[in-house]
Structure formats: structure tokens, C-alpha cells
C-alpha atoms as a PDB file:
ATOM      1  CA  MET A   1       0.000   0.000   0.000  1.00  0.00           C
ATOM      2  CA  SER A   2       1.439   3.377  -0.966  1.00  0.00           C
ATOM      3  CA  GLU A   3       2.074   6.222   1.464  1.00  0.00           C
ATOM      4  CA  THR A   4      -0.699   8.314  -0.131  1.00  0.00           C
ATOM      5  CA  THR A   5      -3.250   5.516   0.315  1.00  0.00           C
ATOM      6  CA  THR A   6      -2.220   5.070   3.952  1.00  0.00           C
ATOM      7  CA  LYS A   7      -2.717   8.781   4.695  1.00  0.00           C
ATOM      8  CA  THR A   8      -6.117   8.777   3.002  1.00  0.00           C
ATOM      9  CA  SER A   9      -7.375   5.800   4.957  1.00  0.00           C
ATOM     10  CA  ALA A  10      -6.104   7.314   8.179  1.00  0.00           C
ATOM     11  CA  ALA A  11      -8.189  10.413   7.648  1.00  0.00           C
ATOM     12  CA  ALA A  12     -11.530  10.651   9.415  1.00  0.00           C
ATOM     13  CA  PRO A  13     -14.265   9.239   7.157  1.00  0.00           C
ATOM     14  CA  TRP A  14     -16.631  12.062   8.081  1.00  0.00           C
ATOM     15  CA  ALA A  15     -14.184  14.854   7.287  1.00  0.00           C
ATOM     16  CA  PRO A  16     -15.582  17.047   4.468  1.00  0.00           C
ATOM     17  CA  PRO A  17     -13.394  17.783   1.473  1.00  0.00           C
ATOM     18  CA  ALA A  18     -11.423  20.987   1.641  1.00  0.00           C
ATOM     19  CA  SER A  19     -12.945  23.819  -0.346  1.00  0.00           C
ATOM     20  CA  ALA A  20     -11.107  26.867  -1.597  1.00  0.00           C
ATOM     21  CA  ASP A  21     -14.287  28.948  -1.299  1.00  0.00           C
ATOM     22  CA  ALA A  22     -14.973  27.977   2.311  1.00  0.00           C
ATOM     23  CA  ALA A  23     -14.971  30.999   4.607  1.00  0.00           C
ATOM     24  CA  PRO A  24     -12.375  30.908   7.385  1.00  0.00           C
ATOM     25  CA  VAL A  25     -13.817  30.090  10.769  1.00  0.00           C
ATOM     26  CA  LYS A  26     -13.318  32.920  13.237  1.00  0.00           C
ATOM     27  CA  PRO A  27     -12.153  32.092  16.753  1.00  0.00           C
ATOM     28  CA  ARG A  28     -14.864  32.239  19.401  1.00  0.00           C
ATOM     29  CA  THR A  29     -13.045  35.053  21.177  1.00  0.00           C
ATOM     30  CA  GLU A  30     -13.600  37.368  18.193  1.00  0.00           C
ATOM     31  CA  ARG A  31     -17.374  37.125  18.671  1.00  0.00           C
ATOM     32  CA  PHE A  32     -17.044  39.018  21.950  1.00  0.00           C
ATOM     33  CA  LEU A  33     -14.876  41.838  20.557  1.00  0.00           C
ATOM     34  CA  PRO A  34     -17.836  44.220  19.922  1.00  0.00           C
ATOM     35  CA  VAL A  35     -18.790  43.932  23.608  1.00  0.00           C
ATOM     36  CA  ILE A  36     -15.401  45.066  24.915  1.00  0.00           C
ATOM     37  CA  GLY A  37     -15.852  48.750  24.037  1.00  0.00           C
ATOM     38  CA  PRO A  38     -19.226  49.185  25.805  1.00  0.00           C
ATOM     39  CA  LEU A  39     -17.974  47.268  28.853  1.00  0.00           C
ATOM     40  CA  VAL A  40     -14.891  49.483  29.127  1.00  0.00           C
ATOM     41  CA  LEU A  41     -17.084  52.580  28.793  1.00  0.00           C
ATOM     42  CA  PHE A  42     -19.461  51.454  31.561  1.00  0.00           C
ATOM     43  CA  VAL A  43     -16.560  50.476  33.823  1.00  0.00           C
ATOM     44  CA  ILE A  44     -14.943  53.895  33.415  1.00  0.00           C
ATOM     45  CA  TRP A  45     -18.327  55.557  33.901  1.00  0.00           C
ATOM     46  CA  ASP A  46     -18.910  53.602  37.106  1.00  0.00           C
ATOM     47  CA  LEU A  47     -15.439  54.404  38.462  1.00  0.00           C
ATOM     48  CA  VAL A  48     -15.858  58.111  37.726  1.00  0.00           C
ATOM     49  CA  VAL A  49     -19.123  58.177  39.708  1.00  0.00           C
ATOM     50  CA  ARG A  50     -17.897  55.841  42.458  1.00  0.00           C
ATOM     51  CA  PHE A  51     -14.800  57.935  43.221  1.00  0.00           C
ATOM     52  CA  GLY A  52     -16.707  61.215  43.087  1.00  0.00           C
ATOM     53  CA  MET A  53     -14.880  62.693  40.104  1.00  0.00           C
ATOM     54  CA  ILE A  54     -18.268  63.975  38.898  1.00  0.00           C
ATOM     55  CA  LYS A  55     -21.161  64.618  41.250  1.00  0.00           C
ATOM     56  CA  ALA A  56     -23.984  62.092  41.135  1.00  0.00           C
ATOM     57  CA  ILE A  57     -26.455  64.934  40.619  1.00  0.00           C
ATOM     58  CA  LEU A  58     -24.820  65.524  37.230  1.00  0.00           C
ATOM     59  CA  LEU A  59     -23.897  61.953  36.291  1.00  0.00           C
ATOM     60  CA  PRO A  60     -25.805  59.010  37.778  1.00  0.00           C
ATOM     61  CA  SER A  61     -24.238  55.575  37.963  1.00  0.00           C
ATOM     62  CA  PRO A  62     -24.598  53.331  34.902  1.00  0.00           C
ATOM     63  CA  ALA A  63     -26.659  50.865  36.957  1.00  0.00           C
ATOM     64  CA  ASP A  64     -29.180  53.575  37.920  1.00  0.00           C
ATOM     65  CA  THR A  65     -29.299  54.873  34.353  1.00  0.00           C
ATOM     66  CA  LEU A  66     -29.887  51.425  32.860  1.00  0.00           C
ATOM     67  CA  ALA A  67     -32.558  50.701  35.464  1.00  0.00           C
ATOM     68  CA  THR A  68     -34.340  53.942  34.522  1.00  0.00           C
ATOM     69  CA  LEU A  69     -33.968  53.082  30.835  1.00  0.00           C
ATOM     70  CA  VAL A  70     -35.448  49.595  31.240  1.00  0.00           C
ATOM     71  CA  ALA A  71     -38.288  50.851  33.440  1.00  0.00           C
ATOM     72  CA  GLY A  72     -39.081  53.670  30.997  1.00  0.00           C
ATOM     73  CA  LEU A  73     -39.109  51.437  27.926  1.00  0.00           C
ATOM     74  CA  ALA A  74     -41.095  48.760  29.732  1.00  0.00           C
ATOM     75  CA  GLY A  75     -44.200  50.919  29.779  1.00  0.00           C
ATOM     76  CA  GLY A  76     -43.257  54.281  31.222  1.00  0.00           C
ATOM     77  CA  ALA A  77     -43.357  57.732  29.639  1.00  0.00           C
ATOM     78  CA  LEU A  78     -40.060  57.060  27.887  1.00  0.00           C
ATOM     79  CA  LEU A  79     -41.694  54.355  25.780  1.00  0.00           C
ATOM     80  CA  THR A  80     -44.253  56.827  24.423  1.00  0.00           C
ATOM     81  CA  ASP A  81     -41.522  59.347  23.601  1.00  0.00           C
ATOM     82  CA  PHE A  82     -39.467  56.592  21.962  1.00  0.00           C
ATOM     83  CA  LEU A  83     -42.321  55.433  19.739  1.00  0.00           C
ATOM     84  CA  VAL A  84     -43.205  58.994  18.733  1.00  0.00           C
ATOM     85  CA  THR A  85     -39.610  59.650  17.638  1.00  0.00           C
ATOM     86  CA  VAL A  86     -39.509  56.351  15.746  1.00  0.00           C
ATOM     87  CA  GLY A  87     -42.736  57.253  13.930  1.00  0.00           C
ATOM     88  CA  ARG A  88     -41.514  60.711  12.921  1.00  0.00           C
ATOM     89  CA  THR A  89     -38.146  59.363  11.788  1.00  0.00           C
ATOM     90  CA  LEU A  90     -39.696  56.634   9.640  1.00  0.00           C
ATOM     91  CA  GLN A  91     -42.175  59.071   8.076  1.00  0.00           C
ATOM     92  CA  ALA A  92     -39.374  61.455   7.129  1.00  0.00           C
ATOM     93  CA  PHE A  93     -37.203  58.632   5.839  1.00  0.00           C
ATOM     94  CA  ALA A  94     -40.028  57.065   3.812  1.00  0.00           C
ATOM     95  CA  PHE A  95     -40.664  60.345   2.013  1.00  0.00           C
ATOM     96  CA  ALA A  96     -36.947  60.828   1.336  1.00  0.00           C
ATOM     97  CA  ALA A  97     -36.577  57.290  -0.023  1.00  0.00           C
ATOM     98  CA  VAL A  98     -39.720  57.256  -2.173  1.00  0.00           C
ATOM     99  CA  VAL A  99     -38.945  60.628  -3.752  1.00  0.00           C
ATOM    100  CA  GLY A 100     -35.146  60.684  -3.555  1.00  0.00           C
ATOM    101  CA  VAL A 101     -34.220  57.331  -5.110  1.00  0.00           C
ATOM    102  CA  PRO A 102     -36.173  57.734  -8.385  1.00  0.00           C
ATOM    103  CA  LEU A 103     -35.170  61.403  -8.642  1.00  0.00           C
ATOM    104  CA  GLY A 104     -31.495  60.586  -8.071  1.00  0.00           C
ATOM    105  CA  VAL A 105     -31.535  57.746 -10.592  1.00  0.00           C
ATOM    106  CA  LEU A 106     -33.190  59.963 -13.229  1.00  0.00           C
ATOM    107  CA  LEU A 107     -30.719  62.800 -12.636  1.00  0.00           C
ATOM    108  CA  GLY A 108     -27.779  60.413 -12.692  1.00  0.00           C
ATOM    109  CA  SER A 109     -28.860  58.896 -15.995  1.00  0.00           C
ATOM    110  CA  ASN A 110     -28.662  62.355 -17.588  1.00  0.00           C
ATOM    111  CA  GLU A 111     -25.359  63.894 -16.563  1.00  0.00           C
ATOM    112  CA  ARG A 112     -26.210  67.300 -17.996  1.00  0.00           C
ATOM    113  CA  ALA A 113     -29.390  67.457 -15.936  1.00  0.00           C
ATOM    114  CA  TYR A 114     -27.459  66.505 -12.804  1.00  0.00           C
ATOM    115  CA  ARG A 115     -24.719  69.085 -13.420  1.00  0.00           C
ATOM    116  CA  SER A 116     -27.373  71.772 -13.775  1.00  0.00           C
ATOM    117  CA  VAL A 117     -28.662  71.149 -10.238  1.00  0.00           C
ATOM    118  CA  GLU A 118     -25.437  69.872  -8.661  1.00  0.00           C
ATOM    119  CA  PHE A 119     -24.698  73.210  -6.985  1.00  0.00           C
ATOM    120  CA  LEU A 120     -28.135  73.349  -5.351  1.00  0.00           C
ATOM    121  CA  ILE A 121     -27.881  69.762  -4.079  1.00  0.00           C
ATOM    122  CA  ASP A 122     -24.382  70.272  -2.668  1.00  0.00           C
ATOM    123  CA  PHE A 123     -25.248  73.685  -1.210  1.00  0.00           C
ATOM    124  CA  PHE A 124     -28.298  72.546   0.742  1.00  0.00           C
ATOM    125  CA  ARG A 125     -26.664  69.220   1.604  1.00  0.00           C
ATOM    126  CA  SER A 126     -23.777  71.157   3.176  1.00  0.00           C
ATOM    127  CA  THR A 127     -26.103  73.529   5.029  1.00  0.00           C
ATOM    128  CA  PRO A 128     -26.877  72.314   8.582  1.00  0.00           C
ATOM    129  CA  SER A 129     -30.545  71.377   8.630  1.00  0.00           C
ATOM    130  CA  SER A 130     -30.908  72.914  12.096  1.00  0.00           C
ATOM    131  CA  ALA A 131     -30.152  76.303  10.509  1.00  0.00           C
ATOM    132  CA  LEU A 132     -33.299  75.880   8.405  1.00  0.00           C
ATOM    133  CA  ILE A 133     -35.584  75.353  11.391  1.00  0.00           C
ATOM    134  CA  PRO A 134     -36.680  79.042  11.492  1.00  0.00           C
ATOM    135  CA  LEU A 135     -37.554  78.847   7.765  1.00  0.00           C
ATOM    136  CA  PHE A 136     -39.664  75.715   8.258  1.00  0.00           C
ATOM    137  CA  LEU A 137     -41.311  77.349  11.269  1.00  0.00           C
ATOM    138  CA  LEU A 138     -42.414  80.247   9.064  1.00  0.00           C
ATOM    139  CA  ILE A 139     -43.725  77.886   6.386  1.00  0.00           C
ATOM    140  CA  PHE A 140     -45.363  75.107   8.435  1.00  0.00           C
ATOM    141  CA  GLY A 141     -45.716  76.677  11.886  1.00  0.00           C
ATOM    142  CA  VAL A 142     -45.289  74.796  15.166  1.00  0.00           C
ATOM    143  CA  SER A 143     -46.614  71.351  14.338  1.00  0.00           C
ATOM    144  CA  ASP A 144     -45.627  67.712  14.112  1.00  0.00           C
ATOM    145  CA  PHE A 145     -45.590  68.019  10.325  1.00  0.00           C
ATOM    146  CA  ASN A 146     -42.867  70.652  10.663  1.00  0.00           C
ATOM    147  CA  LYS A 147     -40.535  68.178  12.403  1.00  0.00           C
ATOM    148  CA  VAL A 148     -41.153  65.509   9.784  1.00  0.00           C
ATOM    149  CA  ALA A 149     -40.777  67.985   6.919  1.00  0.00           C
ATOM    150  CA  ILE A 150     -37.386  69.337   7.934  1.00  0.00           C
ATOM    151  CA  ALA A 151     -36.075  65.829   8.623  1.00  0.00           C
ATOM    152  CA  ALA A 152     -37.378  64.624   5.251  1.00  0.00           C
ATOM    153  CA  PHE A 153     -35.692  67.557   3.510  1.00  0.00           C
ATOM    154  CA  GLY A 154     -32.307  66.811   5.063  1.00  0.00           C
ATOM    155  CA  ALA A 155     -32.559  63.095   4.328  1.00  0.00           C
ATOM    156  CA  LEU A 156     -33.843  63.673   0.779  1.00  0.00           C
ATOM    157  CA  LEU A 157     -30.693  65.520  -0.298  1.00  0.00           C
ATOM    158  CA  ILE A 158     -28.487  62.650   0.881  1.00  0.00           C
ATOM    159  CA  VAL A 159     -30.563  60.050  -0.969  1.00  0.00           C
ATOM    160  CA  VAL A 160     -30.647  62.066  -4.201  1.00  0.00           C
ATOM    161  CA  PHE A 161     -26.895  62.684  -4.129  1.00  0.00           C
ATOM    162  CA  ASN A 162     -25.935  59.058  -3.504  1.00  0.00           C
ATOM    163  CA  SER A 163     -28.408  57.621  -6.015  1.00  0.00           C
ATOM    164  CA  ALA A 164     -27.285  60.008  -8.749  1.00  0.00           C
ATOM    165  CA  TYR A 165     -23.630  59.388  -7.914  1.00  0.00           C
ATOM    166  CA  GLY A 166     -24.164  55.633  -8.193  1.00  0.00           C
ATOM    167  CA  VAL A 167     -25.707  55.902 -11.666  1.00  0.00           C
ATOM    168  CA  ILE A 168     -23.109  58.358 -12.955  1.00  0.00           C
ATOM    169  CA  ASN A 169     -20.215  56.230 -11.720  1.00  0.00           C
ATOM    170  CA  ALA A 170     -21.582  52.837 -12.778  1.00  0.00           C
ATOM    171  CA  ARG A 171     -18.864  50.497 -13.995  1.00  0.00           C
ATOM    172  CA  LYS A 172     -18.060  51.614 -17.508  1.00  0.00           C
ATOM    173  CA  GLN A 173     -16.999  48.157 -18.683  1.00  0.00           C
ATOM    174  CA  ARG A 174     -20.440  46.683 -17.920  1.00  0.00           C
ATOM    175  CA  VAL A 175     -22.210  49.549 -19.658  1.00  0.00           C
ATOM    176  CA  MET A 176     -19.938  49.193 -22.696  1.00  0.00           C
ATOM    177  CA  ALA A 177     -20.423  45.426 -22.749  1.00  0.00           C
ATOM    178  CA  ALA A 178     -24.206  45.850 -22.759  1.00  0.00           C
ATOM    179  CA  ARG A 179     -24.030  48.373 -25.595  1.00  0.00           C
ATOM    180  CA  VAL A 180     -21.683  46.158 -27.636  1.00  0.00           C
ATOM    181  CA  MET A 181     -24.213  43.329 -27.307  1.00  0.00           C
ATOM    182  CA  GLY A 182     -26.849  45.589 -28.827  1.00  0.00           C
ATOM    183  CA  ALA A 183     -28.784  46.604 -25.705  1.00  0.00           C
ATOM    184  CA  SER A 184     -30.933  49.697 -26.091  1.00  0.00           C
ATOM    185  CA  ARG A 185     -30.517  52.753 -23.877  1.00  0.00           C
ATOM    186  CA  TRP A 186     -33.574  51.679 -21.870  1.00  0.00           C
ATOM    187  CA  ARG A 187     -32.177  48.163 -21.345  1.00  0.00           C
ATOM    188  CA  VAL A 188     -28.807  49.592 -20.297  1.00  0.00           C
ATOM    189  CA  PHE A 189     -30.566  51.908 -17.857  1.00  0.00           C
ATOM    190  CA  LYS A 190     -32.913  49.225 -16.491  1.00  0.00           C
ATOM    191  CA  ASP A 191     -30.581  46.222 -16.391  1.00  0.00           C
ATOM    192  CA  VAL A 192     -27.174  47.821 -15.727  1.00  0.00           C
ATOM    193  CA  LEU A 193     -27.299  51.366 -14.363  1.00  0.00           C
ATOM    194  CA  ILE A 194     -30.022  50.793 -11.772  1.00  0.00           C
ATOM    195  CA  TRP A 195     -28.396  47.622 -10.423  1.00  0.00           C
ATOM    196  CA  GLU A 196     -24.943  49.206 -10.378  1.00  0.00           C
ATOM    197  CA  SER A 197     -26.328  52.153  -8.407  1.00  0.00           C
ATOM    198  CA  LEU A 198     -27.840  50.005  -5.644  1.00  0.00           C
ATOM    199  CA  GLN A 199     -24.766  49.946  -3.421  1.00  0.00           C
ATOM    200  CA  PRO A 200     -24.262  53.750  -3.222  1.00  0.00           C
ATOM    201  CA  THR A 201     -28.041  54.091  -2.981  1.00  0.00           C
ATOM    202  CA  PHE A 202     -28.103  51.890   0.110  1.00  0.00           C
ATOM    203  CA  VAL A 203     -25.211  53.864   1.568  1.00  0.00           C
ATOM    204  CA  GLY A 204     -27.306  56.974   1.031  1.00  0.00           C
ATOM    205  CA  LEU A 205     -30.380  55.388   2.590  1.00  0.00           C
ATOM    206  CA  ARG A 206     -28.378  54.305   5.643  1.00  0.00           C
ATOM    207  CA  SER A 207     -26.966  57.816   6.051  1.00  0.00           C
ATOM    208  CA  ALA A 208     -30.378  59.354   5.414  1.00  0.00           C
ATOM    209  CA  VAL A 209     -32.180  57.420   8.151  1.00  0.00           C
ATOM    210  CA  SER A 210     -29.465  58.465  10.639  1.00  0.00           C
ATOM    211  CA  MET A 211     -29.754  62.071   9.502  1.00  0.00           C
ATOM    212  CA  ALA A 212     -33.548  61.937   9.793  1.00  0.00           C
ATOM    213  CA  LEU A 213     -33.252  60.702  13.385  1.00  0.00           C
ATOM    214  CA  VAL A 214     -30.800  63.452  14.314  1.00  0.00           C
ATOM    215  CA  ILE A 215     -32.951  66.203  12.797  1.00  0.00           C
ATOM    216  CA  VAL A 216     -36.146  64.860  14.391  1.00  0.00           C
ATOM    217  CA  ILE A 217     -34.563  64.849  17.847  1.00  0.00           C
ATOM    218  CA  VAL A 218     -33.146  68.367  17.381  1.00  0.00           C
ATOM    219  CA  ALA A 219     -36.544  69.570  16.165  1.00  0.00           C
ATOM    220  CA  GLU A 220     -38.242  67.969  19.175  1.00  0.00           C
ATOM    221  CA  MET A 221     -35.842  69.904  21.415  1.00  0.00           C
ATOM    222  CA  PHE A 222     -36.247  73.350  19.918  1.00  0.00           C
ATOM    223  CA  ILE A 223     -39.625  73.342  18.169  1.00  0.00           C
ATOM    224  CA  GLY A 224     -42.614  73.318  20.497  1.00  0.00           C
ATOM    225  CA  SER A 225     -43.165  69.647  21.266  1.00  0.00           C
ATOM    226  CA  GLU A 226     -45.011  67.714  23.931  1.00  0.00           C
ATOM    227  CA  ASN A 227     -43.430  64.320  23.251  1.00  0.00           C
ATOM    228  CA  GLY A 228     -40.495  62.590  21.600  1.00  0.00           C
ATOM    229  CA  LEU A 229     -36.999  61.737  22.806  1.00  0.00           C
ATOM    230  CA  GLY A 230     -35.726  65.241  22.078  1.00  0.00           C
ATOM    231  CA  HIS A 231     -38.477  66.671  24.263  1.00  0.00           C
ATOM    232  CA  ALA A 232     -37.719  64.109  26.993  1.00  0.00           C
ATOM    233  CA  ILE A 233     -34.009  65.008  26.981  1.00  0.00           C
ATOM    234  CA  ILE A 234     -34.451  68.775  27.152  1.00  0.00           C
ATOM    235  CA  ASP A 235     -37.330  68.568  29.639  1.00  0.00           C
ATOM    236  CA  ALA A 236     -35.371  66.284  31.992  1.00  0.00           C
ATOM    237  CA  GLN A 237     -32.321  68.553  31.726  1.00  0.00           C
ATOM    238  CA  GLN A 238     -34.322  71.622  32.740  1.00  0.00           C
ATOM    239  CA  VAL A 239     -35.569  69.976  35.943  1.00  0.00           C
ATOM    240  CA  LEU A 240     -32.237  68.181  36.622  1.00  0.00           C
ATOM    241  CA  ASN A 241     -33.811  64.737  36.290  1.00  0.00           C
ATOM    242  CA  VAL A 242     -30.492  63.382  35.083  1.00  0.00           C
ATOM    243  CA  ARG A 243     -31.453  59.701  35.186  1.00  0.00           C
ATOM    244  CA  VAL A 244     -34.265  60.229  32.709  1.00  0.00           C
ATOM    245  CA  MET A 245     -32.067  62.530  30.638  1.00  0.00           C
ATOM    246  CA  TYR A 246     -29.281  59.954  30.268  1.00  0.00           C
ATOM    247  CA  ALA A 247     -31.800  57.162  29.741  1.00  0.00           C
ATOM    248  CA  ALA A 248     -33.375  59.125  26.877  1.00  0.00           C
ATOM    249  CA  ILE A 249     -29.933  59.801  25.393  1.00  0.00           C
ATOM    250  CA  LEU A 250     -29.052  56.089  25.547  1.00  0.00           C
ATOM    251  CA  SER A 251     -32.367  55.109  23.966  1.00  0.00           C
ATOM    252  CA  ALA A 252     -31.783  57.589  21.124  1.00  0.00           C
ATOM    253  CA  GLY A 253     -28.315  56.143  20.567  1.00  0.00           C
ATOM    254  CA  ALA A 254     -29.661  52.595  20.655  1.00  0.00           C
ATOM    255  CA  LEU A 255     -32.345  53.519  18.123  1.00  0.00           C
ATOM    256  CA  GLY A 256     -29.775  54.973  15.739  1.00  0.00           C
ATOM    257  CA  TYR A 257     -27.556  51.915  16.139  1.00  0.00           C
ATOM    258  CA  VAL A 258     -30.401  49.478  15.451  1.00  0.00           C
ATOM    259  CA  LEU A 259     -31.503  51.393  12.351  1.00  0.00           C
ATOM    260  CA  ASN A 260     -27.940  51.330  11.039  1.00  0.00           C
ATOM    261  CA  ILE A 261     -27.617  47.572  11.648  1.00  0.00           C
ATOM    262  CA  VAL A 262     -30.961  46.895   9.929  1.00  0.00           C
ATOM    263  CA  PHE A 263     -29.857  48.721   6.805  1.00  0.00           C
ATOM    264  CA  LEU A 264     -26.472  46.998   6.814  1.00  0.00           C
ATOM    265  CA  MET A 265     -28.247  43.625   6.897  1.00  0.00           C
ATOM    266  CA  LEU A 266     -30.606  44.667   4.092  1.00  0.00           C
ATOM    267  CA  GLU A 267     -27.686  45.908   2.008  1.00  0.00           C
ATOM    268  CA  ARG A 268     -25.767  42.642   2.421  1.00  0.00           C
ATOM    269  CA  ARG A 269     -28.849  40.639   1.553  1.00  0.00           C
ATOM    270  CA  ILE A 270     -30.031  42.670  -1.449  1.00  0.00           C
ATOM    271  CA  VAL A 271     -26.710  43.917  -2.876  1.00  0.00           C
ATOM    272  CA  HIS A 272     -24.987  40.583  -2.302  1.00  0.00           C
ATOM    273  CA  TRP A 273     -22.867  40.956  -5.450  1.00  0.00           C
ATOM    274  CA  SER A 274     -21.200  44.147  -4.183  1.00  0.00           C
ATOM    275  CA  GLY A 275     -17.473  44.216  -4.877  1.00  0.00           C
ATOM    276  CA  ARG A 276     -17.556  41.370  -7.432  1.00  0.00           C
END
């Protein structure tokens, strides 16, 4: 019996054949890496409070803050504020996505049309949306629609820019290949440009939903509001209810993080060919 045959028979019969495409298995310790940062932050936070570096009236312990957060989201007033902010954010984002994606794709497919409005898009995209709050107050008055409108405006510019950018910068070799094979302009647009623009479009959508959340919370702080996380934060700060204030801040951060993760998962699932 040859040496090769001996080695083969010695191998475990259930061992699967090696595959070049198989993804490397990550060590179990790497699964806990994302938890290290938050743990370090809470440890430092606890030590700062425990040793009196900052007065408890200004910074409660992480345990007290988390307890207030859990109690508030379990059915307290914080839950109502949380849901109101979620609703406003999703309304603003939905408008920005429904209007911004088609508009960006159409502008990107006609470079001259995009160049004609490029200055306006970049100008308003670079203008802090909070600076436009007085303008929206004059137009829409003090209302819930005002908060949604200004958030939708800020998010819309991001979606339009990224969608148009994706179409304009679609891979030239794929466009040329489609044209060489006799595809019409409509087929090139429908079957190549739109699909090539999906990745930057999703990047724009992910940035837009974060921007919408930020603007909604700022609007809830400074435009007359009776609910929402922004209202909860500023109201708790004015009466020095620091536990509720920090709990509302943490819930706003958690909301933004979850929205970002959701869009990352959708992007990986829908634009699974990205980078190929």
C-alpha cells in the first residue's frame, strides 16, 4: 500500500473535502470583541461616579441609568416618547426614499441634468438642517408636520446625491459590454445602471435614516413639542432629572444603532454581489 493511500485511509471518514471557497472560521473570542468597548465605557463611567470625580447629581451611575432606561421602555413615559420619535423618523425617511431614489436615478442617468442642479444639491446638503428650522417654522408653523418635513428635507438631499452618484459612476466596462451586445438605452438603464447604483443608494439610505433621526430629535428639542426623545431630553435637563435625561440619550443612541444595523443587513442581503 502506498504512502498516499495510507494517509487517506487514516483520515476521518466524516471529514468534508477541503474547499477553496470555504470561509475561514473565526475564533470564538472574536465574537465578543464588539462587547469590549461598551464594557470598558461602563466600567470607566462607574469608576468616575464611584470615586466622586463627577457629582452624582450631574452623572448618575450606569446601573441607575440602565434601570431607569429599562423601566421607561417597559411601559413608562419614555416608551411613548421613543415610539413617537420612531414614527416621525420613519415618516421622514419614507418620504426621502420614495422621492429621492427615483429622482437621483433619473438625474444620474442624464449627466447634464445633474450638473445643472449639482450646486443646489451640494449647497443645501452642506447647510446644517438645524439652521433651516426658522424657515420651516415660518412655512409650516409649530406642528408635528414641521418636524417631519425638515427631517425629510435633510434626508432627501443625501438620498438624491448618492443615487445620482451611483448611476453616474456605474462600472463603464459593464455599460460598454451591454451596448456592444446591442442593448438599447432603456435596457442599459434598467438592467445595468439601476443595479450598479444600488450599493451607493443603500449607503445613502443608511446615512439618510441616521440624519432623519438626528434632525427629528433636534426639532423635538427646539420646536414646540409635547413628546419625543428630544423633548424628553431637554425637559429632563431643565428639571435636573439626570437619570431620565441619560436614559433618553441612551435610547436615542440605541435607536440609531439598530436602524444602522438593519440597513447593513438589508444591504448585504439585497446587494450581495457588491465588490464582485
